[in-house]
Structures are given as C-alpha cells and as structure tokens.
Amino acid sequence: MSKSRPTAFSDYEVRVRAYRIWERTGRPEGCAEEHWREALAELEAERQDRVPPQPGVSQPPTRTAADATAKSEEEAA
C-alpha cells in the first residue's frame, strides 16, 4: 500500500486553476497540458508560501511597513 504525497492536489483543484489560466491567457486552443503544468506549479508555489518556517532553517527577510514607507518616500522624491 502506498501513501499519497502530502503535496498532491486534487484533480478538481488543478482543473479549476488550469481553467482560470486558460481564461487569463485569452482562451487559446491546444494549450491544455501547458495550462495543467502551470496550474500545478502555481498551486505548489502557494502551498510553499503557506508552509510555516522550520526551526533552524534560514528564512528570507520579510518587508515591514517601515520598508514600504521608506520606498514610497524614495519614489516620491
């Protein structure tokens, strides 16, 4: 008996995302497989963003409200 991977997505999730990609790209014909792969990649990226940080693993720095304010002040100057 094999266990399913915890990162697997249901066909429904992928199908809905692929449909949205198809619509977003102007409904081209013949791109179903490409949209399916792109949907999987987007879903995986979103899941990775939601994974809580692991202890001892370096995390990228996060932007703060002060960073956003400083950037907008630079742009205004």
N, C-alpha and C. Protein backbone atom coordinates (compact mmCIF):
# COMPACT_ATOMS: atom_id res chain seq x y z
N MET A 1 0.84 -1.17 0.00
CA MET A 1 0.00 0.00 0.00
C MET A 1 0.89 1.24 0.00
N SER A 2 0.66 2.14 -0.94
CA SER A 2 1.47 3.35 -0.99
C SER A 2 0.70 4.52 -0.41
N LYS A 3 1.43 5.40 0.22
CA LYS A 3 0.82 6.60 0.79
C LYS A 3 0.87 7.71 -0.24
N SER A 4 -0.16 8.55 -0.27
CA SER A 4 -0.14 9.67 -1.20
C SER A 4 0.77 10.76 -0.65
N ARG A 5 1.36 11.48 -1.58
CA ARG A 5 2.25 12.57 -1.17
C ARG A 5 1.42 13.68 -0.55
N PRO A 6 1.92 14.33 0.51
CA PRO A 6 1.15 15.40 1.13
C PRO A 6 1.04 16.63 0.23
N THR A 7 1.84 16.71 -0.82
CA THR A 7 1.79 17.87 -1.70
C THR A 7 0.88 17.63 -2.90
N ALA A 8 0.22 16.48 -2.96
CA ALA A 8 -0.65 16.18 -4.09
C ALA A 8 -1.89 17.07 -4.05
N PHE A 9 -2.37 17.45 -5.21
CA PHE A 9 -3.56 18.27 -5.32
C PHE A 9 -4.65 17.44 -5.99
N SER A 10 -5.89 17.74 -5.67
CA SER A 10 -6.99 17.01 -6.31
C SER A 10 -7.09 17.46 -7.77
N ASP A 11 -7.65 16.58 -8.59
CA ASP A 11 -7.87 16.93 -9.99
C ASP A 11 -8.74 18.17 -10.10
N TYR A 12 -9.70 18.30 -9.19
CA TYR A 12 -10.59 19.45 -9.22
C TYR A 12 -9.80 20.74 -9.01
N GLU A 13 -8.92 20.78 -8.01
CA GLU A 13 -8.12 21.98 -7.75
C GLU A 13 -7.30 22.38 -8.97
N VAL A 14 -6.65 21.39 -9.58
CA VAL A 14 -5.80 21.67 -10.73
C VAL A 14 -6.65 22.09 -11.93
N ARG A 15 -7.77 21.41 -12.12
CA ARG A 15 -8.65 21.73 -13.25
C ARG A 15 -9.18 23.15 -13.16
N VAL A 16 -9.61 23.56 -11.96
CA VAL A 16 -10.12 24.93 -11.78
C VAL A 16 -9.02 25.94 -12.04
N ARG A 17 -7.82 25.69 -11.52
CA ARG A 17 -6.72 26.63 -11.73
C ARG A 17 -6.32 26.68 -13.20
N ALA A 18 -6.27 25.53 -13.85
CA ALA A 18 -5.91 25.50 -15.27
C ALA A 18 -6.95 26.25 -16.11
N TYR A 19 -8.22 26.13 -15.74
CA TYR A 19 -9.28 26.85 -16.45
C TYR A 19 -9.08 28.35 -16.30
N ARG A 20 -8.75 28.79 -15.09
CA ARG A 20 -8.52 30.22 -14.87
C ARG A 20 -7.31 30.72 -15.67
N ILE A 21 -6.29 29.90 -15.76
CA ILE A 21 -5.11 30.26 -16.57
C ILE A 21 -5.52 30.36 -18.04
N TRP A 22 -6.31 29.40 -18.50
CA TRP A 22 -6.80 29.40 -19.88
C TRP A 22 -7.57 30.69 -20.18
N GLU A 23 -8.45 31.08 -19.25
CA GLU A 23 -9.20 32.32 -19.43
C GLU A 23 -8.28 33.54 -19.41
N ARG A 24 -7.34 33.55 -18.47
CA ARG A 24 -6.43 34.68 -18.30
C ARG A 24 -5.55 34.88 -19.54
N THR A 25 -5.25 33.80 -20.24
CA THR A 25 -4.37 33.89 -21.41
C THR A 25 -5.14 34.04 -22.72
N GLY A 26 -6.45 34.33 -22.62
CA GLY A 26 -7.22 34.58 -23.83
C GLY A 26 -7.87 33.36 -24.45
N ARG A 27 -7.99 32.28 -23.71
CA ARG A 27 -8.65 31.05 -24.15
C ARG A 27 -8.05 30.44 -25.41
N PRO A 28 -6.73 30.29 -25.46
CA PRO A 28 -6.12 29.70 -26.65
C PRO A 28 -6.41 28.20 -26.74
N GLU A 29 -6.47 27.70 -27.95
CA GLU A 29 -6.69 26.27 -28.16
C GLU A 29 -5.36 25.53 -28.16
N GLY A 30 -5.39 24.28 -27.73
CA GLY A 30 -4.20 23.43 -27.79
C GLY A 30 -3.17 23.65 -26.70
N CYS A 31 -3.56 24.30 -25.61
CA CYS A 31 -2.60 24.57 -24.53
C CYS A 31 -2.98 23.89 -23.22
N ALA A 32 -3.85 22.91 -23.27
CA ALA A 32 -4.36 22.28 -22.05
C ALA A 32 -3.25 21.71 -21.18
N GLU A 33 -2.32 20.98 -21.78
CA GLU A 33 -1.24 20.38 -20.99
C GLU A 33 -0.35 21.44 -20.36
N GLU A 34 -0.05 22.48 -21.12
CA GLU A 34 0.77 23.57 -20.59
C GLU A 34 0.06 24.26 -19.43
N HIS A 35 -1.24 24.50 -19.58
CA HIS A 35 -2.00 25.14 -18.51
C HIS A 35 -2.09 24.24 -17.29
N TRP A 36 -2.18 22.94 -17.49
CA TRP A 36 -2.23 21.99 -16.38
C TRP A 36 -0.91 22.05 -15.59
N ARG A 37 0.21 22.03 -16.32
CA ARG A 37 1.52 22.11 -15.64
C ARG A 37 1.69 23.43 -14.91
N GLU A 38 1.24 24.52 -15.54
CA GLU A 38 1.34 25.83 -14.90
C GLU A 38 0.45 25.89 -13.66
N ALA A 39 -0.72 25.29 -13.73
CA ALA A 39 -1.62 25.24 -12.57
C ALA A 39 -0.97 24.50 -11.42
N LEU A 40 -0.36 23.36 -11.71
CA LEU A 40 0.34 22.61 -10.66
C LEU A 40 1.45 23.45 -10.04
N ALA A 41 2.21 24.14 -10.87
CA ALA A 41 3.31 24.97 -10.37
C ALA A 41 2.80 26.10 -9.49
N GLU A 42 1.71 26.74 -9.91
CA GLU A 42 1.15 27.83 -9.10
C GLU A 42 0.64 27.31 -7.76
N LEU A 43 -0.07 26.20 -7.79
CA LEU A 43 -0.60 25.64 -6.55
C LEU A 43 0.53 25.24 -5.60
N GLU A 44 1.57 24.64 -6.15
CA GLU A 44 2.72 24.23 -5.33
C GLU A 44 3.40 25.46 -4.73
N ALA A 45 3.56 26.51 -5.51
CA ALA A 45 4.20 27.74 -5.01
C ALA A 45 3.37 28.35 -3.89
N GLU A 46 2.06 28.36 -4.05
CA GLU A 46 1.20 28.88 -3.00
C GLU A 46 1.30 28.05 -1.73
N ARG A 47 1.35 26.74 -1.90
CA ARG A 47 1.46 25.87 -0.74
C ARG A 47 2.79 26.11 -0.03
N GLN A 48 3.87 26.30 -0.78
CA GLN A 48 5.18 26.55 -0.18
C GLN A 48 5.16 27.85 0.60
N ASP A 49 4.43 28.85 0.11
CA ASP A 49 4.33 30.13 0.82
C ASP A 49 3.60 29.99 2.15
N ARG A 50 2.70 28.99 2.24
CA ARG A 50 1.91 28.81 3.46
C ARG A 50 2.58 27.88 4.46
N VAL A 51 3.65 27.23 4.09
CA VAL A 51 4.32 26.30 5.00
C VAL A 51 4.97 27.10 6.12
N PRO A 52 4.68 26.76 7.37
CA PRO A 52 5.30 27.51 8.46
C PRO A 52 6.81 27.31 8.48
N PRO A 53 7.56 28.32 8.91
CA PRO A 53 9.02 28.20 8.94
C PRO A 53 9.46 27.07 9.86
N GLN A 54 10.51 26.39 9.46
CA GLN A 54 11.04 25.31 10.26
C GLN A 54 12.18 25.83 11.12
N PRO A 55 12.27 25.38 12.37
CA PRO A 55 13.36 25.83 13.22
C PRO A 55 14.71 25.45 12.62
N GLY A 56 15.66 26.38 12.67
CA GLY A 56 16.99 26.11 12.19
C GLY A 56 17.16 26.30 10.70
N VAL A 57 16.07 26.64 9.97
CA VAL A 57 16.14 26.84 8.54
C VAL A 57 16.11 28.34 8.28
N SER A 58 17.08 28.83 7.53
CA SER A 58 17.15 30.26 7.24
C SER A 58 15.98 30.69 6.39
N GLN A 59 15.33 31.78 6.76
CA GLN A 59 14.20 32.31 6.03
C GLN A 59 14.59 33.64 5.39
N PRO A 60 14.06 33.97 4.23
CA PRO A 60 14.35 35.25 3.62
C PRO A 60 13.78 36.38 4.48
N PRO A 61 14.41 37.54 4.46
CA PRO A 61 13.90 38.65 5.26
C PRO A 61 12.53 39.09 4.75
N THR A 62 11.70 39.53 5.67
CA THR A 62 10.37 39.99 5.29
C THR A 62 10.34 41.51 5.29
N ARG A 63 9.51 42.05 4.42
CA ARG A 63 9.37 43.51 4.36
C ARG A 63 8.48 43.96 5.51
N THR A 64 8.80 45.10 6.05
CA THR A 64 7.99 45.68 7.12
C THR A 64 7.27 46.90 6.59
N ALA A 65 6.35 47.41 7.38
CA ALA A 65 5.63 48.62 6.98
C ALA A 65 6.61 49.78 6.82
N ALA A 66 7.66 49.80 7.65
CA ALA A 66 8.67 50.86 7.56
C ALA A 66 9.40 50.78 6.22
N ASP A 67 9.69 49.56 5.74
CA ASP A 67 10.33 49.40 4.44
C ASP A 67 9.46 49.98 3.33
N ALA A 68 8.15 49.69 3.39
CA ALA A 68 7.23 50.18 2.37
C ALA A 68 7.14 51.70 2.40
N THR A 69 7.14 52.28 3.62
CA THR A 69 7.08 53.73 3.74
C THR A 69 8.33 54.36 3.18
N ALA A 70 9.48 53.79 3.51
CA ALA A 70 10.76 54.33 3.02
C ALA A 70 10.81 54.27 1.50
N LYS A 71 10.34 53.18 0.93
CA LYS A 71 10.37 53.04 -0.53
C LYS A 71 9.46 54.07 -1.19
N SER A 72 8.25 54.27 -0.63
CA SER A 72 7.33 55.22 -1.24
C SER A 72 7.86 56.65 -1.10
N GLU A 73 8.59 56.93 -0.01
CA GLU A 73 9.20 58.26 0.14
C GLU A 73 10.32 58.47 -0.88
N GLU A 74 11.09 57.40 -1.16
CA GLU A 74 12.14 57.49 -2.17
C GLU A 74 11.54 57.74 -3.55
N GLU A 75 10.46 57.06 -3.85
CA GLU A 75 9.82 57.21 -5.15
C GLU A 75 9.22 58.60 -5.32
N ALA A 76 8.75 59.17 -4.22
CA ALA A 76 8.14 60.49 -4.28
C ALA A 76 9.19 61.60 -4.49
N ALA A 77 10.42 61.33 -4.07
CA ALA A 77 11.49 62.34 -4.17
C ALA A 77 12.02 62.50 -5.56
